[in-house]
């Protein structure tokens, strides 16, 4: 199961998706993360715990993308989120 780590808020600022730390996370994570549309969509879906395969299915319903390409891209996004320490597995 993958889910958001508490302490971050997503904002759309003039068409740009920005993820900001809040509360105690501001001490740990300095700055903000710029997300593209797909990454912001994924972040929103991670509000509740979800399995990787279920997340893929949700994205495939929403976006016109090849399954193999999505699997690669989603793996990369989840890896990046994990490196930033903004998700829990």
N, C-alpha and C. Protein backbone atom coordinates (compact mmCIF):
# COMPACT_ATOMS: atom_id res chain seq x y z
N UNK A 1 0.84 -1.18 0.00
CA UNK A 1 0.00 0.00 0.00
C UNK A 1 0.89 1.25 0.00
N UNK A 2 0.49 2.20 -0.78
CA UNK A 2 1.20 3.47 -0.88
C UNK A 2 0.23 4.57 -0.45
N UNK A 3 0.76 5.55 0.29
CA UNK A 3 -0.09 6.67 0.68
C UNK A 3 0.77 7.91 0.92
N UNK A 4 0.10 9.05 0.93
CA UNK A 4 0.77 10.32 1.23
C UNK A 4 1.29 10.30 2.66
N UNK A 5 2.42 10.94 2.85
CA UNK A 5 2.89 11.21 4.21
C UNK A 5 2.19 12.49 4.65
N UNK A 6 1.68 12.50 5.86
CA UNK A 6 1.00 13.69 6.38
C UNK A 6 1.98 14.85 6.48
N UNK A 7 1.48 16.04 6.29
CA UNK A 7 2.32 17.22 6.45
C UNK A 7 2.67 17.91 5.15
N UNK A 8 1.93 17.60 4.08
CA UNK A 8 2.16 18.24 2.79
C UNK A 8 0.83 18.67 2.20
N UNK A 9 0.84 19.78 1.49
CA UNK A 9 -0.37 20.28 0.86
C UNK A 9 -0.06 20.64 -0.59
N UNK A 10 -0.98 20.26 -1.48
CA UNK A 10 -0.84 20.55 -2.91
C UNK A 10 -1.62 21.80 -3.25
N UNK A 11 -0.98 22.70 -3.96
CA UNK A 11 -1.63 23.93 -4.40
C UNK A 11 -1.42 24.10 -5.91
N UNK A 12 -2.44 24.65 -6.56
CA UNK A 12 -2.35 25.01 -7.97
C UNK A 12 -2.18 26.52 -8.01
N UNK A 13 -0.99 26.95 -8.40
CA UNK A 13 -0.68 28.37 -8.44
C UNK A 13 -0.43 28.76 -9.89
N UNK A 14 -1.38 29.48 -10.45
CA UNK A 14 -1.32 29.95 -11.84
C UNK A 14 -0.98 28.79 -12.78
N UNK A 15 -1.69 27.69 -12.60
CA UNK A 15 -1.53 26.55 -13.49
C UNK A 15 -0.34 25.65 -13.18
N UNK A 16 0.41 25.95 -12.13
CA UNK A 16 1.54 25.12 -11.71
C UNK A 16 1.16 24.40 -10.41
N UNK A 17 1.40 23.11 -10.37
CA UNK A 17 1.12 22.33 -9.16
C UNK A 17 2.35 22.33 -8.27
N UNK A 18 2.17 22.79 -7.04
CA UNK A 18 3.26 22.88 -6.08
C UNK A 18 2.88 22.14 -4.81
N UNK A 19 3.80 21.34 -4.31
CA UNK A 19 3.59 20.59 -3.08
C UNK A 19 4.45 21.24 -1.99
N UNK A 20 3.79 21.69 -0.93
CA UNK A 20 4.46 22.42 0.14
C UNK A 20 4.40 21.63 1.45
N UNK A 21 5.50 21.64 2.22
CA UNK A 21 5.45 21.03 3.55
C UNK A 21 4.69 21.94 4.51
N UNK A 22 4.07 21.34 5.51
CA UNK A 22 3.38 22.09 6.56
C UNK A 22 3.82 21.56 7.91
N UNK A 23 3.54 22.32 8.94
CA UNK A 23 3.82 21.88 10.31
C UNK A 23 5.27 21.47 10.51
N UNK A 24 5.46 20.34 11.17
CA UNK A 24 6.82 19.87 11.47
C UNK A 24 7.59 19.46 10.23
N UNK A 25 6.90 19.13 9.16
CA UNK A 25 7.58 18.76 7.92
C UNK A 25 8.37 19.93 7.33
N UNK A 26 7.98 21.17 7.68
CA UNK A 26 8.70 22.34 7.19
C UNK A 26 10.14 22.35 7.70
N UNK A 27 10.37 21.76 8.86
CA UNK A 27 11.71 21.70 9.42
C UNK A 27 12.55 20.63 8.71
N UNK A 28 11.89 19.57 8.26
CA UNK A 28 12.58 18.46 7.61
C UNK A 28 12.82 18.72 6.13
N UNK A 29 11.82 19.29 5.47
CA UNK A 29 11.86 19.48 4.03
C UNK A 29 11.80 20.97 3.73
N UNK A 30 12.87 21.50 3.26
CA UNK A 30 12.95 22.94 2.95
C UNK A 30 12.58 23.15 1.49
N UNK A 31 11.62 24.02 1.21
CA UNK A 31 11.25 24.31 -0.16
C UNK A 31 9.92 23.69 -0.55
N UNK A 32 9.76 23.53 -1.86
CA UNK A 32 8.53 22.97 -2.42
C UNK A 32 8.90 22.06 -3.58
N UNK A 33 7.93 21.26 -4.02
CA UNK A 33 8.13 20.34 -5.14
C UNK A 33 7.17 20.74 -6.25
N UNK A 34 7.70 20.93 -7.44
CA UNK A 34 6.87 21.23 -8.61
C UNK A 34 6.42 19.91 -9.22
N UNK A 35 5.11 19.75 -9.40
CA UNK A 35 4.54 18.53 -9.98
C UNK A 35 3.90 18.83 -11.31
N UNK A 36 3.96 17.85 -12.22
CA UNK A 36 3.19 17.98 -13.46
C UNK A 36 1.77 17.49 -13.19
N UNK A 37 0.93 17.55 -14.20
CA UNK A 37 -0.48 17.19 -14.03
C UNK A 37 -0.66 15.75 -13.56
N UNK A 38 0.08 14.82 -14.16
CA UNK A 38 -0.04 13.41 -13.77
C UNK A 38 0.44 13.19 -12.33
N UNK A 39 1.56 13.79 -11.98
CA UNK A 39 2.07 13.64 -10.62
C UNK A 39 1.10 14.22 -9.59
N UNK A 40 0.48 15.34 -9.91
CA UNK A 40 -0.52 15.94 -9.02
C UNK A 40 -1.73 15.02 -8.89
N UNK A 41 -2.16 14.43 -10.00
CA UNK A 41 -3.28 13.49 -9.98
C UNK A 41 -2.94 12.30 -9.06
N UNK A 42 -1.73 11.77 -9.23
CA UNK A 42 -1.29 10.64 -8.41
C UNK A 42 -1.24 11.05 -6.94
N UNK A 43 -0.69 12.22 -6.67
CA UNK A 43 -0.61 12.69 -5.27
C UNK A 43 -2.00 12.71 -4.64
N UNK A 44 -2.97 13.22 -5.36
CA UNK A 44 -4.34 13.27 -4.83
C UNK A 44 -4.90 11.88 -4.58
N UNK A 45 -4.58 10.93 -5.43
CA UNK A 45 -5.06 9.56 -5.25
C UNK A 45 -4.41 8.88 -4.06
N UNK A 46 -3.25 9.39 -3.62
CA UNK A 46 -2.54 8.80 -2.49
C UNK A 46 -3.04 9.32 -1.15
N UNK A 47 -4.13 10.07 -1.16
CA UNK A 47 -4.72 10.52 0.11
C UNK A 47 -5.16 9.34 0.95
N UNK A 48 -5.61 8.29 0.29
CA UNK A 48 -5.96 7.06 0.97
C UNK A 48 -5.02 5.96 0.48
N UNK A 49 -4.64 5.03 1.32
CA UNK A 49 -3.73 3.96 0.90
C UNK A 49 -4.26 3.21 -0.31
N UNK A 50 -3.37 2.91 -1.25
CA UNK A 50 -3.76 2.24 -2.48
C UNK A 50 -2.62 1.35 -2.96
N UNK A 51 -2.96 0.22 -3.52
CA UNK A 51 -1.97 -0.68 -4.11
C UNK A 51 -1.51 -0.11 -5.46
N UNK A 52 -0.29 -0.41 -5.83
CA UNK A 52 0.28 0.06 -7.09
C UNK A 52 -0.61 -0.29 -8.27
N UNK A 53 -1.07 -1.54 -8.34
CA UNK A 53 -1.89 -2.00 -9.47
C UNK A 53 -3.23 -1.27 -9.52
N UNK A 54 -3.81 -0.99 -8.36
CA UNK A 54 -5.08 -0.26 -8.31
C UNK A 54 -4.88 1.19 -8.75
N UNK A 55 -3.75 1.76 -8.37
CA UNK A 55 -3.43 3.12 -8.80
C UNK A 55 -3.27 3.16 -10.32
N UNK A 56 -2.61 2.16 -10.87
CA UNK A 56 -2.48 2.09 -12.34
C UNK A 56 -3.85 2.04 -13.00
N UNK A 57 -4.75 1.23 -12.47
CA UNK A 57 -6.09 1.09 -13.05
C UNK A 57 -6.83 2.42 -13.03
N UNK A 58 -6.72 3.17 -11.94
CA UNK A 58 -7.38 4.48 -11.83
C UNK A 58 -6.82 5.44 -12.88
N UNK A 59 -5.51 5.44 -13.03
CA UNK A 59 -4.88 6.34 -14.00
C UNK A 59 -5.26 5.96 -15.43
N UNK A 60 -5.29 4.66 -15.72
CA UNK A 60 -5.66 4.20 -17.07
C UNK A 60 -7.08 4.61 -17.43
N UNK A 61 -7.96 4.69 -16.45
CA UNK A 61 -9.33 5.15 -16.70
C UNK A 61 -9.38 6.64 -17.01
N UNK A 62 -8.47 7.39 -16.41
CA UNK A 62 -8.48 8.85 -16.52
C UNK A 62 -7.68 9.38 -17.71
N UNK A 63 -6.59 8.70 -18.03
CA UNK A 63 -5.67 9.18 -19.07
C UNK A 63 -5.56 8.19 -20.21
N UNK A 64 -5.35 8.71 -21.39
CA UNK A 64 -5.13 7.89 -22.58
C UNK A 64 -3.63 7.63 -22.69
N UNK A 65 -3.21 6.51 -22.10
CA UNK A 65 -1.79 6.18 -22.05
C UNK A 65 -1.62 4.67 -22.17
N UNK A 66 -0.51 4.26 -22.78
CA UNK A 66 -0.22 2.84 -22.91
C UNK A 66 0.13 2.27 -21.53
N UNK A 67 -0.33 1.07 -21.26
CA UNK A 67 -0.14 0.46 -19.95
C UNK A 67 1.34 0.30 -19.59
N UNK A 68 2.14 -0.16 -20.54
CA UNK A 68 3.57 -0.36 -20.26
C UNK A 68 4.28 0.96 -19.98
N UNK A 69 3.93 2.00 -20.73
CA UNK A 69 4.53 3.31 -20.49
C UNK A 69 4.11 3.84 -19.12
N UNK A 70 2.83 3.66 -18.78
CA UNK A 70 2.35 4.11 -17.48
C UNK A 70 3.06 3.37 -16.35
N UNK A 71 3.24 2.07 -16.50
CA UNK A 71 3.92 1.30 -15.46
C UNK A 71 5.32 1.85 -15.21
N UNK A 72 6.03 2.17 -16.29
CA UNK A 72 7.37 2.74 -16.17
C UNK A 72 7.30 4.12 -15.49
N UNK A 73 6.42 4.99 -16.01
CA UNK A 73 6.31 6.36 -15.47
C UNK A 73 5.87 6.35 -14.01
N UNK A 74 4.89 5.52 -13.68
CA UNK A 74 4.39 5.47 -12.31
C UNK A 74 5.46 4.95 -11.36
N UNK A 75 6.22 3.97 -11.79
CA UNK A 75 7.33 3.47 -10.98
C UNK A 75 8.33 4.58 -10.70
N UNK A 76 8.64 5.37 -11.71
CA UNK A 76 9.56 6.49 -11.55
C UNK A 76 9.00 7.56 -10.59
N UNK A 77 7.73 7.88 -10.74
CA UNK A 77 7.11 8.89 -9.88
C UNK A 77 7.09 8.42 -8.43
N UNK A 78 6.70 7.18 -8.21
CA UNK A 78 6.66 6.63 -6.85
C UNK A 78 8.07 6.60 -6.26
N UNK A 79 9.05 6.24 -7.07
CA UNK A 79 10.44 6.24 -6.61
C UNK A 79 10.88 7.65 -6.21
N UNK A 80 10.56 8.63 -7.03
CA UNK A 80 10.91 10.03 -6.72
C UNK A 80 10.21 10.50 -5.46
N UNK A 81 8.92 10.22 -5.34
CA UNK A 81 8.18 10.58 -4.13
C UNK A 81 8.85 9.94 -2.90
N UNK A 82 9.26 8.69 -3.05
CA UNK A 82 9.90 7.98 -1.95
C UNK A 82 11.24 8.63 -1.58
N UNK A 83 12.02 9.01 -2.59
CA UNK A 83 13.29 9.69 -2.34
C UNK A 83 13.10 11.00 -1.59
N UNK A 84 12.05 11.72 -1.93
CA UNK A 84 11.73 12.97 -1.23
C UNK A 84 11.17 12.72 0.17
N UNK A 85 10.76 11.49 0.44
CA UNK A 85 10.22 11.16 1.76
C UNK A 85 8.81 11.67 1.97
N UNK A 86 8.03 11.78 0.88
CA UNK A 86 6.68 12.35 1.00
C UNK A 86 5.58 11.30 0.91
N UNK A 87 5.99 10.02 0.78
CA UNK A 87 5.00 8.94 0.78
C UNK A 87 5.42 7.88 1.79
N UNK A 88 4.48 7.04 2.13
CA UNK A 88 4.72 5.91 3.01
C UNK A 88 4.29 4.65 2.28
N UNK A 89 5.05 3.59 2.44
CA UNK A 89 4.72 2.33 1.79
C UNK A 89 4.42 1.29 2.84
